[in-house]
Amino acid sequence: MTKEKRLEQYTLKHPQEVLLLEVETEGETDRILIFKGFSSSLTGATAYDPDVPVLSEEATILSIDRAVSPYSPENPQYLEQGISWETMAQRLDQLGL
């Protein structure tokens, strides 16, 4: 399962949370929001087809923030910030994702 699909599955199991990712692909940074099983780019285009990945396999996840849903960009309520992919991957493993 891809990183994106694992994170989407996490948000399906935790619908009260939004994940905010900072990623880098080919020298370009992007912010991706994942909520209730769907991913969307906050800085770039997002395909209409949900089967088209927003997070490429080549992308490096720089950090992950967990925020309370519904997400308000003007006043985000963070549960945790600056999580590394390695830490999040361990948590996903523990959840069987």
N, C-alpha and C. Protein backbone atom coordinates (compact mmCIF):
# COMPACT_ATOMS: atom_id res chain seq x y z
N MET A 1 0.85 -1.18 0.00
CA MET A 1 0.00 0.00 0.00
C MET A 1 0.90 1.24 0.00
N THR A 2 0.52 2.25 -0.77
CA THR A 2 1.32 3.47 -0.87
C THR A 2 1.21 4.29 0.42
N LYS A 3 2.15 5.20 0.58
CA LYS A 3 2.11 6.10 1.74
C LYS A 3 0.79 6.86 1.79
N GLU A 4 0.38 7.37 0.63
CA GLU A 4 -0.86 8.15 0.57
C GLU A 4 -2.06 7.30 0.99
N LYS A 5 -2.16 6.09 0.48
CA LYS A 5 -3.29 5.21 0.82
C LYS A 5 -3.28 4.86 2.31
N ARG A 6 -2.10 4.64 2.87
CA ARG A 6 -2.00 4.35 4.30
C ARG A 6 -2.50 5.53 5.13
N LEU A 7 -2.10 6.73 4.74
CA LEU A 7 -2.53 7.93 5.47
C LEU A 7 -4.03 8.18 5.28
N GLU A 8 -4.53 7.92 4.08
CA GLU A 8 -5.97 8.05 3.85
C GLU A 8 -6.75 7.06 4.71
N GLN A 9 -6.25 5.84 4.82
CA GLN A 9 -6.90 4.84 5.67
C GLN A 9 -6.89 5.29 7.14
N TYR A 10 -5.80 5.91 7.56
CA TYR A 10 -5.72 6.44 8.92
C TYR A 10 -6.85 7.44 9.16
N THR A 11 -7.07 8.35 8.20
CA THR A 11 -8.10 9.37 8.40
C THR A 11 -9.51 8.78 8.35
N LEU A 12 -9.68 7.66 7.69
CA LEU A 12 -10.98 6.98 7.73
C LEU A 12 -11.24 6.41 9.12
N LYS A 13 -10.17 5.92 9.76
CA LYS A 13 -10.30 5.37 11.11
C LYS A 13 -10.35 6.47 12.18
N HIS A 14 -9.87 7.66 11.83
CA HIS A 14 -9.85 8.81 12.75
C HIS A 14 -10.50 10.02 12.07
N PRO A 15 -11.82 9.96 11.84
CA PRO A 15 -12.48 11.04 11.09
C PRO A 15 -12.49 12.38 11.80
N GLN A 16 -12.13 12.39 13.06
CA GLN A 16 -12.06 13.65 13.81
C GLN A 16 -10.73 14.37 13.58
N GLU A 17 -9.87 13.77 12.76
CA GLU A 17 -8.55 14.35 12.49
C GLU A 17 -8.37 14.69 11.02
N VAL A 18 -7.54 15.69 10.78
CA VAL A 18 -7.07 16.07 9.46
C VAL A 18 -5.56 15.94 9.49
N LEU A 19 -4.97 15.38 8.45
CA LEU A 19 -3.52 15.32 8.34
C LEU A 19 -3.07 16.38 7.34
N LEU A 20 -2.05 17.14 7.71
CA LEU A 20 -1.46 18.14 6.84
C LEU A 20 -0.01 17.74 6.60
N LEU A 21 0.31 17.49 5.35
CA LEU A 21 1.65 17.05 5.00
C LEU A 21 2.40 18.16 4.29
N GLU A 22 3.67 18.29 4.62
CA GLU A 22 4.57 19.12 3.83
C GLU A 22 5.47 18.14 3.09
N VAL A 23 5.46 18.22 1.76
CA VAL A 23 6.21 17.27 0.94
C VAL A 23 7.09 18.01 -0.06
N GLU A 24 8.08 17.29 -0.54
CA GLU A 24 8.96 17.84 -1.58
C GLU A 24 9.07 16.82 -2.70
N THR A 25 8.87 17.31 -3.93
CA THR A 25 9.00 16.48 -5.13
C THR A 25 9.80 17.26 -6.15
N GLU A 26 10.93 16.71 -6.55
CA GLU A 26 11.79 17.33 -7.56
C GLU A 26 12.08 18.80 -7.23
N GLY A 27 12.38 19.08 -5.98
CA GLY A 27 12.75 20.42 -5.55
C GLY A 27 11.58 21.35 -5.28
N GLU A 28 10.37 20.91 -5.55
CA GLU A 28 9.17 21.72 -5.31
C GLU A 28 8.46 21.25 -4.05
N THR A 29 8.06 22.20 -3.20
CA THR A 29 7.33 21.82 -1.99
C THR A 29 5.83 21.95 -2.22
N ASP A 30 5.08 21.17 -1.48
CA ASP A 30 3.63 21.17 -1.58
C ASP A 30 3.06 20.91 -0.20
N ARG A 31 1.86 21.37 0.03
CA ARG A 31 1.10 21.07 1.25
C ARG A 31 -0.08 20.21 0.82
N ILE A 32 -0.25 19.08 1.46
CA ILE A 32 -1.34 18.16 1.14
C ILE A 32 -2.19 17.97 2.39
N LEU A 33 -3.49 18.06 2.20
CA LEU A 33 -4.44 17.83 3.27
C LEU A 33 -5.10 16.48 3.03
N ILE A 34 -5.18 15.64 4.07
CA ILE A 34 -5.84 14.35 3.96
C ILE A 34 -6.94 14.30 5.02
N PHE A 35 -8.17 14.01 4.55
CA PHE A 35 -9.33 14.03 5.44
C PHE A 35 -10.35 13.01 4.96
N LYS A 36 -10.78 12.16 5.88
CA LYS A 36 -11.80 11.14 5.60
C LYS A 36 -11.52 10.35 4.33
N GLY A 37 -10.26 9.97 4.16
CA GLY A 37 -9.89 9.10 3.05
C GLY A 37 -9.59 9.77 1.74
N PHE A 38 -9.56 11.09 1.71
CA PHE A 38 -9.28 11.81 0.47
C PHE A 38 -8.11 12.77 0.66
N SER A 39 -7.30 12.90 -0.39
CA SER A 39 -6.13 13.79 -0.38
C SER A 39 -6.37 14.94 -1.33
N SER A 40 -5.86 16.11 -0.95
CA SER A 40 -5.99 17.29 -1.79
C SER A 40 -4.76 18.17 -1.60
N SER A 41 -4.24 18.67 -2.71
CA SER A 41 -3.11 19.60 -2.64
C SER A 41 -3.63 20.98 -2.27
N LEU A 42 -2.95 21.63 -1.34
CA LEU A 42 -3.31 22.99 -0.95
C LEU A 42 -2.57 24.03 -1.77
N THR A 43 -1.51 23.62 -2.47
CA THR A 43 -0.71 24.58 -3.23
C THR A 43 -0.66 24.27 -4.71
N GLY A 44 -1.07 23.10 -5.12
CA GLY A 44 -1.05 22.72 -6.53
C GLY A 44 -2.40 22.19 -6.96
N ALA A 45 -2.44 21.69 -8.17
CA ALA A 45 -3.68 21.15 -8.72
C ALA A 45 -3.94 19.76 -8.15
N THR A 46 -5.22 19.43 -8.00
CA THR A 46 -5.65 18.11 -7.58
C THR A 46 -6.57 17.56 -8.66
N ALA A 47 -6.28 16.35 -9.14
CA ALA A 47 -7.11 15.73 -10.18
C ALA A 47 -8.51 15.45 -9.64
N TYR A 48 -9.49 15.50 -10.53
CA TYR A 48 -10.87 15.18 -10.15
C TYR A 48 -11.02 13.71 -9.82
N ASP A 49 -10.21 12.87 -10.45
CA ASP A 49 -10.28 11.42 -10.25
C ASP A 49 -9.56 11.06 -8.96
N PRO A 50 -10.28 10.52 -7.96
CA PRO A 50 -9.63 10.18 -6.68
C PRO A 50 -8.61 9.04 -6.79
N ASP A 51 -8.60 8.34 -7.93
CA ASP A 51 -7.62 7.27 -8.13
C ASP A 51 -6.26 7.82 -8.58
N VAL A 52 -6.21 9.09 -8.96
CA VAL A 52 -4.95 9.72 -9.34
C VAL A 52 -4.29 10.22 -8.07
N PRO A 53 -3.10 9.69 -7.73
CA PRO A 53 -2.47 10.07 -6.47
C PRO A 53 -2.06 11.55 -6.43
N VAL A 54 -2.23 12.14 -5.26
CA VAL A 54 -1.78 13.51 -5.02
C VAL A 54 -0.33 13.46 -4.55
N LEU A 55 0.00 12.44 -3.77
CA LEU A 55 1.34 12.24 -3.23
C LEU A 55 2.06 11.23 -4.11
N SER A 56 3.04 11.70 -4.89
CA SER A 56 3.76 10.78 -5.77
C SER A 56 4.69 9.88 -4.96
N GLU A 57 5.02 8.75 -5.54
CA GLU A 57 5.93 7.81 -4.88
C GLU A 57 7.33 8.43 -4.71
N GLU A 58 7.68 9.38 -5.58
CA GLU A 58 9.00 10.03 -5.51
C GLU A 58 9.05 11.12 -4.45
N ALA A 59 7.90 11.54 -3.96
CA ALA A 59 7.85 12.64 -2.99
C ALA A 59 8.48 12.25 -1.66
N THR A 60 9.11 13.21 -1.05
CA THR A 60 9.65 13.05 0.30
C THR A 60 8.72 13.78 1.26
N ILE A 61 8.22 13.06 2.26
CA ILE A 61 7.38 13.69 3.27
C ILE A 61 8.31 14.37 4.28
N LEU A 62 8.24 15.69 4.34
CA LEU A 62 9.10 16.46 5.23
C LEU A 62 8.54 16.49 6.65
N SER A 63 7.21 16.63 6.76
CA SER A 63 6.58 16.62 8.08
C SER A 63 5.09 16.38 7.94
N ILE A 64 4.51 15.90 9.04
CA ILE A 64 3.07 15.64 9.10
C ILE A 64 2.54 16.32 10.36
N ASP A 65 1.44 17.05 10.20
CA ASP A 65 0.75 17.66 11.33
C ASP A 65 -0.62 16.99 11.46
N ARG A 66 -1.02 16.75 12.69
CA ARG A 66 -2.37 16.25 12.98
C ARG A 66 -3.18 17.41 13.53
N ALA A 67 -4.34 17.66 12.94
CA ALA A 67 -5.20 18.76 13.38
C ALA A 67 -6.62 18.25 13.59
N VAL A 68 -7.37 19.02 14.37
CA VAL A 68 -8.76 18.70 14.66
C VAL A 68 -9.62 19.02 13.44
N SER A 69 -10.57 18.16 13.16
CA SER A 69 -11.55 18.39 12.11
C SER A 69 -12.78 19.06 12.72
N PRO A 70 -13.42 19.97 12.05
CA PRO A 70 -13.11 20.47 10.72
C PRO A 70 -11.91 21.42 10.76
N TYR A 71 -11.13 21.38 9.68
CA TYR A 71 -9.91 22.17 9.59
C TYR A 71 -10.24 23.61 9.21
N SER A 72 -9.71 24.53 9.96
CA SER A 72 -9.87 25.95 9.66
C SER A 72 -8.48 26.53 9.44
N PRO A 73 -8.13 26.90 8.20
CA PRO A 73 -6.79 27.43 7.93
C PRO A 73 -6.50 28.71 8.70
N GLU A 74 -7.55 29.47 9.04
CA GLU A 74 -7.35 30.71 9.78
C GLU A 74 -7.04 30.45 11.24
N ASN A 75 -7.54 29.33 11.77
CA ASN A 75 -7.36 29.02 13.19
C ASN A 75 -7.24 27.50 13.38
N PRO A 76 -6.15 26.92 12.88
CA PRO A 76 -6.02 25.46 13.02
C PRO A 76 -5.80 25.06 14.47
N GLN A 77 -6.41 23.95 14.84
CA GLN A 77 -6.23 23.40 16.18
C GLN A 77 -5.40 22.12 16.04
N TYR A 78 -4.12 22.25 16.33
CA TYR A 78 -3.20 21.13 16.14
C TYR A 78 -3.23 20.19 17.34
N LEU A 79 -3.23 18.91 17.04
CA LEU A 79 -3.07 17.88 18.05
C LEU A 79 -1.58 17.56 18.22
N GLU A 80 -0.86 17.63 17.09
CA GLU A 80 0.57 17.31 17.07
C GLU A 80 1.15 17.89 15.79
N GLN A 81 2.37 18.40 15.87
CA GLN A 81 3.01 19.00 14.70
C GLN A 81 4.41 18.43 14.50
N GLY A 82 4.85 18.45 13.24
CA GLY A 82 6.22 18.09 12.91
C GLY A 82 6.54 16.61 13.04
N ILE A 83 5.56 15.75 12.81
CA ILE A 83 5.79 14.30 12.89
C ILE A 83 6.58 13.87 11.66
N SER A 84 7.61 13.08 11.85
CA SER A 84 8.37 12.56 10.72
C SER A 84 7.61 11.39 10.09
N TRP A 85 7.93 11.11 8.82
CA TRP A 85 7.31 9.96 8.16
C TRP A 85 7.65 8.67 8.91
N GLU A 86 8.87 8.55 9.39
CA GLU A 86 9.29 7.33 10.09
C GLU A 86 8.43 7.09 11.33
N THR A 87 8.17 8.14 12.10
CA THR A 87 7.33 8.03 13.29
C THR A 87 5.90 7.67 12.92
N MET A 88 5.37 8.34 11.90
CA MET A 88 3.99 8.07 11.48
C MET A 88 3.88 6.66 10.91
N ALA A 89 4.88 6.22 10.17
CA ALA A 89 4.85 4.87 9.60
C ALA A 89 4.80 3.81 10.70
N GLN A 90 5.52 4.04 11.79
CA GLN A 90 5.47 3.12 12.93
C GLN A 90 4.07 3.07 13.52
N ARG A 91 3.44 4.22 13.65
CA ARG A 91 2.07 4.28 14.18
C ARG A 91 1.10 3.55 13.26
N LEU A 92 1.28 3.75 11.95
CA LEU A 92 0.42 3.07 10.99
C LEU A 92 0.61 1.56 11.06
N ASP A 93 1.86 1.13 11.22
CA ASP A 93 2.15 -0.30 11.37
C ASP A 93 1.42 -0.87 12.58
N GLN A 94 1.45 -0.13 13.69
CA GLN A 94 0.79 -0.58 14.92
C GLN A 94 -0.73 -0.69 14.74
N LEU A 95 -1.28 0.14 13.85
CA LEU A 95 -2.72 0.11 13.58
C LEU A 95 -3.08 -0.88 12.47
N GLY A 96 -2.06 -1.53 11.91
CA GLY A 96 -2.30 -2.48 10.83
C GLY A 96 -2.58 -1.82 9.49
N LEU A 97 -2.07 -0.60 9.32
CA LEU A 97 -2.30 0.13 8.07
C LEU A 97 -1.03 0.22 7.23
